Structures are given as structure tokens and as C-alpha cells.
Amino acid sequence: MTMSIDHIRENIRVLQDDVLYLEQRLDEAAPDSLEAESRERILNVKYRLLQEQRDLLDRRESGSAREAAEARWRFHEENDTLDLY
């Protein structure tokens, strides 16, 4: 199943909220505590997931642009309007 661009954008928004929340909680925790260590690990995972979603969005958006350009090309080719450019 492929995710739509809107779904990926929503994932990014949620992950950004999670990262912000975890950064705030990490600042409140004692620096060498188990709580801080745990939150830092979770934060690192969220950062990786966020970057993966951003990369996926970039690939999807560039793929969508390519597909749209190919569709326009096919339209012009099928309708013999290529010489108008």
C-alpha cells in the first residue's frame, strides 16, 4: 500500500509535534537520569522517522511532478500538438 502525499505530510506534522514535546520533556529531566536517557533514545528514533518521512515526501513530490509532465507529453503526442511548442 502506498501512502498519499497528504498522509505523509500528516505523519510529518505528528512527528514534529512529538519531537517538540520530547525535547521539552528532555530539558526538564535531570541530565544523567534514566528518564533523560530513555527520552533521548525515543527522541532519536522520532528524528530518524521524521527524516525518513521527509525523504519519502521529497521522492513522492518529485515523482508526482514527473508523472504529470509525462501525462502532458502523452496528451500532446496523442493529439499531435507537439509542434506548437
N, C-alpha and C. Protein backbone atom coordinates (compact mmCIF):
# COMPACT_ATOMS: atom_id res chain seq x y z
N MET A 1 0.84 -1.18 0.00
CA MET A 1 0.00 0.00 0.00
C MET A 1 0.88 1.24 0.00
N THR A 2 0.62 2.15 -0.89
CA THR A 2 1.40 3.38 -0.94
C THR A 2 0.64 4.50 -0.23
N MET A 3 1.40 5.33 0.45
CA MET A 3 0.79 6.44 1.17
C MET A 3 0.66 7.64 0.23
N SER A 4 -0.41 8.38 0.42
CA SER A 4 -0.58 9.59 -0.37
C SER A 4 0.31 10.70 0.20
N ILE A 5 0.50 11.71 -0.60
CA ILE A 5 1.32 12.85 -0.17
C ILE A 5 0.70 13.51 1.06
N ASP A 6 -0.62 13.61 1.10
CA ASP A 6 -1.29 14.21 2.26
C ASP A 6 -1.06 13.40 3.52
N HIS A 7 -1.08 12.09 3.38
CA HIS A 7 -0.86 11.20 4.53
C HIS A 7 0.57 11.37 5.05
N ILE A 8 1.52 11.47 4.15
CA ILE A 8 2.92 11.67 4.54
C ILE A 8 3.08 13.01 5.23
N ARG A 9 2.44 14.04 4.71
CA ARG A 9 2.51 15.37 5.35
C ARG A 9 1.93 15.32 6.77
N GLU A 10 0.85 14.60 6.93
CA GLU A 10 0.25 14.46 8.27
C GLU A 10 1.21 13.73 9.20
N ASN A 11 1.86 12.67 8.71
CA ASN A 11 2.86 11.97 9.52
C ASN A 11 3.96 12.92 9.96
N ILE A 12 4.40 13.77 9.05
CA ILE A 12 5.46 14.73 9.38
C ILE A 12 4.99 15.70 10.46
N ARG A 13 3.76 16.19 10.34
CA ARG A 13 3.23 17.11 11.36
C ARG A 13 3.18 16.44 12.74
N VAL A 14 2.72 15.21 12.77
CA VAL A 14 2.62 14.49 14.05
C VAL A 14 4.02 14.25 14.63
N LEU A 15 4.95 13.83 13.79
CA LEU A 15 6.31 13.59 14.27
C LEU A 15 6.97 14.87 14.75
N GLN A 16 6.72 15.98 14.08
CA GLN A 16 7.28 17.25 14.53
C GLN A 16 6.72 17.63 15.90
N ASP A 17 5.45 17.41 16.11
CA ASP A 17 4.85 17.66 17.42
C ASP A 17 5.47 16.77 18.49
N ASP A 18 5.66 15.50 18.15
CA ASP A 18 6.28 14.56 19.08
C ASP A 18 7.69 14.99 19.45
N VAL A 19 8.46 15.39 18.45
CA VAL A 19 9.84 15.82 18.68
C VAL A 19 9.87 17.05 19.59
N LEU A 20 9.02 18.01 19.31
CA LEU A 20 8.96 19.22 20.14
C LEU A 20 8.61 18.87 21.58
N TYR A 21 7.61 18.04 21.77
CA TYR A 21 7.20 17.63 23.10
C TYR A 21 8.34 16.92 23.83
N LEU A 22 8.98 15.97 23.15
CA LEU A 22 10.06 15.21 23.78
C LEU A 22 11.26 16.10 24.10
N GLU A 23 11.56 17.07 23.25
CA GLU A 23 12.65 17.98 23.54
C GLU A 23 12.36 18.79 24.81
N GLN A 24 11.12 19.23 24.95
CA GLN A 24 10.74 19.97 26.16
C GLN A 24 10.84 19.10 27.40
N ARG A 25 10.36 17.86 27.31
CA ARG A 25 10.43 16.96 28.46
C ARG A 25 11.88 16.60 28.79
N LEU A 26 12.71 16.48 27.77
CA LEU A 26 14.12 16.15 27.99
C LEU A 26 14.82 17.29 28.72
N ASP A 27 14.47 18.53 28.37
CA ASP A 27 15.05 19.68 29.05
C ASP A 27 14.68 19.72 30.53
N GLU A 28 13.51 19.18 30.85
CA GLU A 28 13.04 19.19 32.24
C GLU A 28 13.65 18.07 33.08
N ALA A 29 14.13 17.02 32.45
CA ALA A 29 14.65 15.87 33.17
C ALA A 29 16.07 16.13 33.66
N ALA A 30 16.43 15.46 34.75
CA ALA A 30 17.80 15.54 35.25
C ALA A 30 18.74 14.96 34.20
N PRO A 31 19.85 15.64 33.92
CA PRO A 31 20.73 15.25 32.79
C PRO A 31 21.20 13.80 32.79
N ASP A 32 21.55 13.24 33.93
CA ASP A 32 22.10 11.87 33.95
C ASP A 32 21.11 10.83 34.43
N SER A 33 19.84 11.16 34.41
CA SER A 33 18.84 10.23 34.91
C SER A 33 18.44 9.21 33.84
N LEU A 34 17.85 8.12 34.29
CA LEU A 34 17.33 7.11 33.36
C LEU A 34 16.20 7.70 32.52
N GLU A 35 15.44 8.59 33.12
CA GLU A 35 14.35 9.24 32.40
C GLU A 35 14.89 10.03 31.20
N ALA A 36 15.95 10.78 31.43
CA ALA A 36 16.56 11.57 30.34
C ALA A 36 17.13 10.66 29.27
N GLU A 37 17.76 9.59 29.68
CA GLU A 37 18.34 8.64 28.73
C GLU A 37 17.26 8.00 27.87
N SER A 38 16.16 7.62 28.50
CA SER A 38 15.06 7.00 27.78
C SER A 38 14.43 7.98 26.80
N ARG A 39 14.20 9.20 27.26
CA ARG A 39 13.60 10.21 26.37
C ARG A 39 14.53 10.55 25.21
N GLU A 40 15.81 10.56 25.48
CA GLU A 40 16.76 10.85 24.41
C GLU A 40 16.74 9.75 23.35
N ARG A 41 16.65 8.50 23.78
CA ARG A 41 16.56 7.39 22.82
C ARG A 41 15.29 7.49 21.98
N ILE A 42 14.19 7.78 22.64
CA ILE A 42 12.91 7.92 21.92
C ILE A 42 12.99 9.10 20.95
N LEU A 43 13.59 10.19 21.40
CA LEU A 43 13.75 11.37 20.56
C LEU A 43 14.58 11.05 19.32
N ASN A 44 15.64 10.29 19.48
CA ASN A 44 16.47 9.90 18.34
C ASN A 44 15.69 9.07 17.33
N VAL A 45 14.84 8.18 17.82
CA VAL A 45 14.01 7.37 16.93
C VAL A 45 13.03 8.27 16.17
N LYS A 46 12.43 9.21 16.88
CA LYS A 46 11.47 10.13 16.24
C LYS A 46 12.18 10.98 15.18
N TYR A 47 13.40 11.43 15.48
CA TYR A 47 14.17 12.19 14.49
C TYR A 47 14.39 11.36 13.23
N ARG A 48 14.78 10.10 13.40
CA ARG A 48 15.01 9.23 12.25
C ARG A 48 13.72 9.02 11.45
N LEU A 49 12.62 8.77 12.16
CA LEU A 49 11.34 8.59 11.47
C LEU A 49 10.93 9.86 10.72
N LEU A 50 11.16 11.00 11.35
CA LEU A 50 10.84 12.28 10.72
C LEU A 50 11.66 12.47 9.45
N GLN A 51 12.93 12.17 9.50
CA GLN A 51 13.78 12.31 8.32
C GLN A 51 13.36 11.33 7.22
N GLU A 52 12.99 10.13 7.59
CA GLU A 52 12.51 9.16 6.60
C GLU A 52 11.25 9.66 5.91
N GLN A 53 10.33 10.23 6.69
CA GLN A 53 9.09 10.75 6.11
C GLN A 53 9.38 11.94 5.20
N ARG A 54 10.31 12.80 5.59
CA ARG A 54 10.67 13.94 4.73
C ARG A 54 11.29 13.45 3.42
N ASP A 55 12.15 12.45 3.51
CA ASP A 55 12.76 11.88 2.30
C ASP A 55 11.69 11.26 1.40
N LEU A 56 10.76 10.54 2.02
CA LEU A 56 9.66 9.92 1.27
C LEU A 56 8.81 10.99 0.58
N LEU A 57 8.53 12.07 1.30
CA LEU A 57 7.74 13.17 0.72
C LEU A 57 8.48 13.78 -0.46
N ASP A 58 9.77 14.01 -0.32
CA ASP A 58 10.55 14.55 -1.44
C ASP A 58 10.48 13.64 -2.67
N ARG A 59 10.63 12.35 -2.44
CA ARG A 59 10.56 11.39 -3.56
C ARG A 59 9.18 11.39 -4.20
N ARG A 60 8.13 11.40 -3.35
CA ARG A 60 6.76 11.38 -3.88
C ARG A 60 6.46 12.65 -4.66
N GLU A 61 6.85 13.79 -4.13
CA GLU A 61 6.56 15.05 -4.83
C GLU A 61 7.30 15.12 -6.16
N SER A 62 8.55 14.69 -6.19
CA SER A 62 9.28 14.73 -7.46
C SER A 62 8.70 13.70 -8.43
N GLY A 63 8.26 12.57 -7.90
CA GLY A 63 7.62 11.55 -8.74
C GLY A 63 6.30 12.04 -9.31
N SER A 64 5.54 12.77 -8.51
CA SER A 64 4.26 13.31 -8.98
C SER A 64 4.48 14.34 -10.09
N ALA A 65 5.50 15.17 -9.94
CA ALA A 65 5.80 16.17 -10.96
C ALA A 65 6.22 15.48 -12.26
N ARG A 66 7.02 14.44 -12.14
CA ARG A 66 7.47 13.70 -13.32
C ARG A 66 6.27 13.05 -14.02
N GLU A 67 5.38 12.43 -13.23
CA GLU A 67 4.20 11.78 -13.80
C GLU A 67 3.30 12.78 -14.51
N ALA A 68 3.14 13.96 -13.93
CA ALA A 68 2.31 14.99 -14.55
C ALA A 68 2.94 15.46 -15.87
N ALA A 69 4.25 15.63 -15.88
CA ALA A 69 4.94 16.05 -17.11
C ALA A 69 4.80 14.97 -18.18
N GLU A 70 4.95 13.71 -17.78
CA GLU A 70 4.80 12.62 -18.75
C GLU A 70 3.38 12.56 -19.29
N ALA A 71 2.38 12.83 -18.45
CA ALA A 71 0.98 12.82 -18.90
C ALA A 71 0.75 13.95 -19.90
N ARG A 72 1.32 15.13 -19.63
CA ARG A 72 1.17 16.25 -20.58
C ARG A 72 1.84 15.90 -21.91
N TRP A 73 3.01 15.29 -21.84
CA TRP A 73 3.72 14.89 -23.06
C TRP A 73 2.87 13.90 -23.86
N ARG A 74 2.32 12.89 -23.19
CA ARG A 74 1.48 11.90 -23.88
C ARG A 74 0.27 12.57 -24.53
N PHE A 75 -0.35 13.50 -23.81
CA PHE A 75 -1.51 14.21 -24.36
C PHE A 75 -1.13 14.92 -25.66
N HIS A 76 -0.02 15.65 -25.61
CA HIS A 76 0.40 16.39 -26.80
C HIS A 76 0.81 15.45 -27.93
N GLU A 77 1.44 14.35 -27.58
CA GLU A 77 1.86 13.39 -28.58
C GLU A 77 0.64 12.73 -29.23
N GLU A 78 -0.35 12.37 -28.41
CA GLU A 78 -1.55 11.71 -28.94
C GLU A 78 -2.42 12.67 -29.75
N ASN A 79 -2.38 13.95 -29.42
CA ASN A 79 -3.22 14.93 -30.11
C ASN A 79 -2.45 15.73 -31.15
N ASP A 80 -1.25 15.30 -31.44
CA ASP A 80 -0.41 15.91 -32.46
C ASP A 80 -0.27 17.43 -32.24
N THR A 81 0.01 17.81 -31.03
CA THR A 81 0.19 19.24 -30.72
C THR A 81 1.62 19.53 -30.28
N LEU A 82 2.54 18.62 -30.54
CA LEU A 82 3.93 18.84 -30.14
C LEU A 82 4.58 19.99 -30.90
N ASP A 83 4.15 20.23 -32.12
CA ASP A 83 4.78 21.27 -32.93
C ASP A 83 4.38 22.68 -32.49
N LEU A 84 3.46 22.80 -31.56
CA LEU A 84 3.03 24.11 -31.08
C LEU A 84 4.03 24.74 -30.13
N TYR A 85 4.99 23.95 -29.66
CA TYR A 85 5.96 24.46 -28.68
C TYR A 85 7.17 24.97 -29.34
